[in-house]
Amino acid sequence: MEFLVGVKEVGEILGWDRRKVSTYHLRGVLPKPVVSLSSGPIWFRKQIEYYKADKESCVTTYYIEGELVYECKPNYPIKETSYSPEEIKESKRNYNVYQEKDIKQLKNAILEKNPIAQFLSFESISFLHDLGILETDVFHDYIYQYSFENIELTKRGRDEESC
């Protein structure tokens, strides 16, 4: 299962030792793991690869909700800015902007199980989740609907008597 990674593999991808990965995870700097087991957190490999690429890119991301503009950084709470939507749109800086109406359409497509949602990339949905723009429950709905559709559950021991 190379699409899932633990602390060791995350360290290899990021060029860090295991202690640094564990420390950054505990501080909430790394993407939220898909699941935490007794052996440690588990992420999708793409989450960590995207995190690495984002750290290296220096692009600011903004979320515009009505007349409010928020600055978004992966795995940090979104922060209200003093900018107006017009100031952001006129800026010459390197940035990404997400609009409230577009995010609402995206959420509705996922929650209503609209067939178009199957064509959304995991990287985009994960990125919006890590930025704090897409809620965890919507992200999990997307994962359960589309990421695991080809993985069959094993029935080991199910045919025998129940305990």
Protein backbone atom coordinates (compact mmCIF):
# COMPACT_ATOMS: atom_id res chain seq x y z
CA MET A 1 0.00 0.00 0.00
CA GLU A 2 2.33 2.70 -1.21
CA PHE A 3 -0.44 5.30 -1.18
CA LEU A 4 -0.39 5.31 2.65
CA VAL A 5 2.61 6.52 4.67
CA GLY A 6 3.65 6.60 8.30
CA VAL A 7 6.24 8.61 10.19
CA LYS A 8 9.22 6.78 8.62
CA GLU A 9 8.03 7.33 5.03
CA VAL A 10 7.08 10.94 5.74
CA GLY A 11 10.63 11.51 6.97
CA GLU A 12 12.02 10.01 3.78
CA ILE A 13 9.80 12.21 1.58
CA LEU A 14 10.62 15.41 3.48
CA GLY A 15 14.26 14.59 4.21
CA TRP A 16 13.65 14.71 7.97
CA ASP A 17 14.38 12.25 10.75
CA ARG A 18 11.52 10.50 12.57
CA ARG A 19 11.78 12.76 15.62
CA LYS A 20 11.27 15.89 13.54
CA VAL A 21 8.25 14.32 11.80
CA SER A 22 6.75 13.37 15.18
CA THR A 23 7.42 16.82 16.65
CA TYR A 24 5.91 18.64 13.66
CA HIS A 25 2.90 16.32 13.71
CA LEU A 26 2.31 16.98 17.43
CA ARG A 27 2.60 20.74 16.81
CA GLY A 28 -0.05 20.50 14.08
CA VAL A 29 2.32 21.62 11.31
CA LEU A 30 1.90 18.57 9.07
CA PRO A 31 -1.35 17.76 7.26
CA LYS A 32 -3.99 16.09 9.39
CA PRO A 33 -3.49 12.33 9.23
CA VAL A 34 -6.21 10.18 7.69
CA VAL A 35 -6.14 8.01 10.80
CA SER A 36 -4.08 7.66 13.96
CA LEU A 37 -3.27 4.11 15.01
CA SER A 38 -1.44 2.86 18.08
CA SER A 39 1.63 2.62 15.83
CA GLY A 40 1.31 6.31 14.90
CA PRO A 41 -0.35 8.64 12.39
CA ILE A 42 -1.07 7.53 8.81
CA TRP A 43 -1.31 9.92 5.86
CA PHE A 44 -1.98 9.58 2.18
CA ARG A 45 1.35 9.88 0.35
CA LYS A 46 -0.18 12.63 -1.83
CA GLN A 47 -0.93 14.73 1.29
CA ILE A 48 2.74 14.74 2.24
CA GLU A 49 3.99 15.27 -1.31
CA TYR A 50 1.61 18.21 -1.70
CA TYR A 51 2.70 19.59 1.68
CA LYS A 52 6.33 19.45 0.55
CA ALA A 53 5.58 21.16 -2.77
CA ASP A 54 3.54 23.86 -1.01
CA LYS A 55 6.34 24.60 1.48
CA GLU A 56 8.72 25.13 -1.42
CA SER A 57 6.42 27.36 -3.51
CA CYS A 58 5.97 30.62 -1.47
CA VAL A 59 2.46 31.27 -2.84
CA THR A 60 -0.04 32.96 -0.51
CA THR A 61 -3.60 31.65 -0.50
CA TYR A 62 -6.64 33.80 0.29
CA TYR A 63 -10.27 32.88 0.88
CA ILE A 64 -12.86 35.56 0.18
CA GLU A 65 -16.12 35.25 2.10
CA GLY A 66 -18.40 38.18 1.35
CA GLU A 67 -16.34 41.28 2.11
CA LEU A 68 -13.91 39.43 4.39
CA VAL A 69 -10.54 38.18 3.17
CA TYR A 70 -8.74 35.39 5.01
CA GLU A 71 -5.15 34.30 4.63
CA CYS A 72 -4.82 30.53 4.60
CA LYS A 73 -1.77 28.42 5.37
CA PRO A 74 -1.76 24.63 5.43
CA ASN A 75 -2.54 23.25 8.89
CA TYR A 76 -2.95 26.67 10.52
CA PRO A 77 -6.25 28.34 11.39
CA ILE A 78 -7.41 30.73 8.70
CA LYS A 79 -6.62 34.32 9.66
CA GLU A 80 -8.73 37.36 8.86
CA THR A 81 -6.80 40.10 7.04
CA SER A 82 -7.39 43.84 6.69
CA TYR A 83 -7.49 43.52 2.87
CA SER A 84 -10.62 44.08 0.85
CA PRO A 85 -11.53 41.67 -1.96
CA GLU A 86 -10.70 44.43 -4.46
CA GLU A 87 -7.21 44.94 -3.00
CA ILE A 88 -6.45 41.24 -3.35
CA LYS A 89 -7.71 41.08 -6.93
CA GLU A 90 -5.65 44.16 -7.91
CA SER A 91 -2.48 42.94 -6.19
CA LYS A 92 0.52 42.03 -8.31
CA ARG A 93 1.77 39.45 -5.77
CA ASN A 94 1.88 35.71 -6.33
CA TYR A 95 -1.31 34.27 -4.76
CA ASN A 96 -4.26 31.89 -5.04
CA VAL A 97 -7.81 33.05 -4.31
CA TYR A 98 -10.83 30.91 -3.45
CA GLN A 99 -14.30 32.42 -3.47
CA GLU A 100 -17.07 31.50 -1.01
CA LYS A 101 -19.59 30.70 -3.77
CA ASP A 102 -17.19 28.25 -5.45
CA ILE A 103 -16.42 26.46 -2.18
CA LYS A 104 -20.16 26.18 -1.43
CA GLN A 105 -20.72 24.53 -4.83
CA LEU A 106 -17.85 22.14 -4.17
CA LYS A 107 -19.21 21.19 -0.73
CA ASN A 108 -22.69 20.63 -2.14
CA ALA A 109 -21.34 18.40 -4.92
CA ILE A 110 -19.53 16.24 -2.37
CA LEU A 111 -22.28 16.10 0.26
CA GLU A 112 -25.07 15.49 -2.25
CA LYS A 113 -22.98 12.75 -3.92
CA ASN A 114 -23.21 14.55 -7.25
CA PRO A 115 -21.50 12.39 -9.92
CA ILE A 116 -19.31 15.34 -10.91
CA ALA A 117 -17.50 15.02 -7.55
CA GLN A 118 -15.77 11.84 -8.74
CA PHE A 119 -13.72 13.98 -11.12
CA LEU A 120 -12.33 16.24 -8.40
CA SER A 121 -8.68 15.56 -7.65
CA PHE A 122 -7.69 14.29 -4.24
CA GLU A 123 -4.85 16.80 -4.19
CA SER A 124 -7.22 19.75 -4.58
CA ILE A 125 -9.68 18.52 -1.97
CA SER A 126 -6.88 17.68 0.47
CA PHE A 127 -5.27 21.09 -0.09
CA LEU A 128 -8.54 22.92 0.66
CA HIS A 129 -8.95 20.81 3.80
CA ASP A 130 -5.39 21.50 4.98
CA LEU A 131 -5.96 25.23 4.41
CA GLY A 132 -9.03 25.14 6.66
CA ILE A 133 -11.39 26.13 3.84
CA LEU A 134 -13.03 22.69 3.55
CA GLU A 135 -14.38 21.16 6.75
CA THR A 136 -13.13 17.78 7.94
CA ASP A 137 -16.53 16.09 7.63
CA VAL A 138 -16.81 17.13 3.97
CA PHE A 139 -13.24 15.94 3.33
CA HIS A 140 -14.00 12.58 4.92
CA ASP A 141 -17.20 12.25 2.87
CA TYR A 142 -15.13 12.78 -0.26
CA ILE A 143 -12.52 10.21 0.82
CA TYR A 144 -15.11 7.57 1.67
CA GLN A 145 -17.03 8.14 -1.56
CA TYR A 146 -14.18 8.19 -4.04
CA SER A 147 -10.79 7.23 -2.61
CA PHE A 148 -11.70 3.78 -1.36
CA GLU A 149 -14.20 2.71 -4.00
CA ASN A 150 -11.83 0.13 -5.49
CA ILE A 151 -10.60 -1.33 -2.22
CA GLU A 152 -12.51 -4.42 -1.16
CA LEU A 153 -12.91 -5.22 2.50
CA THR A 154 -11.54 -8.56 3.57
CA LYS A 155 -13.86 -11.08 5.20
CA ARG A 156 -11.22 -12.95 7.23
CA GLY A 157 -13.03 -14.91 9.91
CA ARG A 158 -16.48 -13.50 9.05
CA ASP A 159 -17.77 -16.80 7.70
CA GLU A 160 -17.05 -18.51 11.01
CA GLU A 161 -19.16 -18.32 14.13
CA SER A 162 -19.41 -14.89 15.73
CA CYS A 163 -17.59 -14.40 19.01
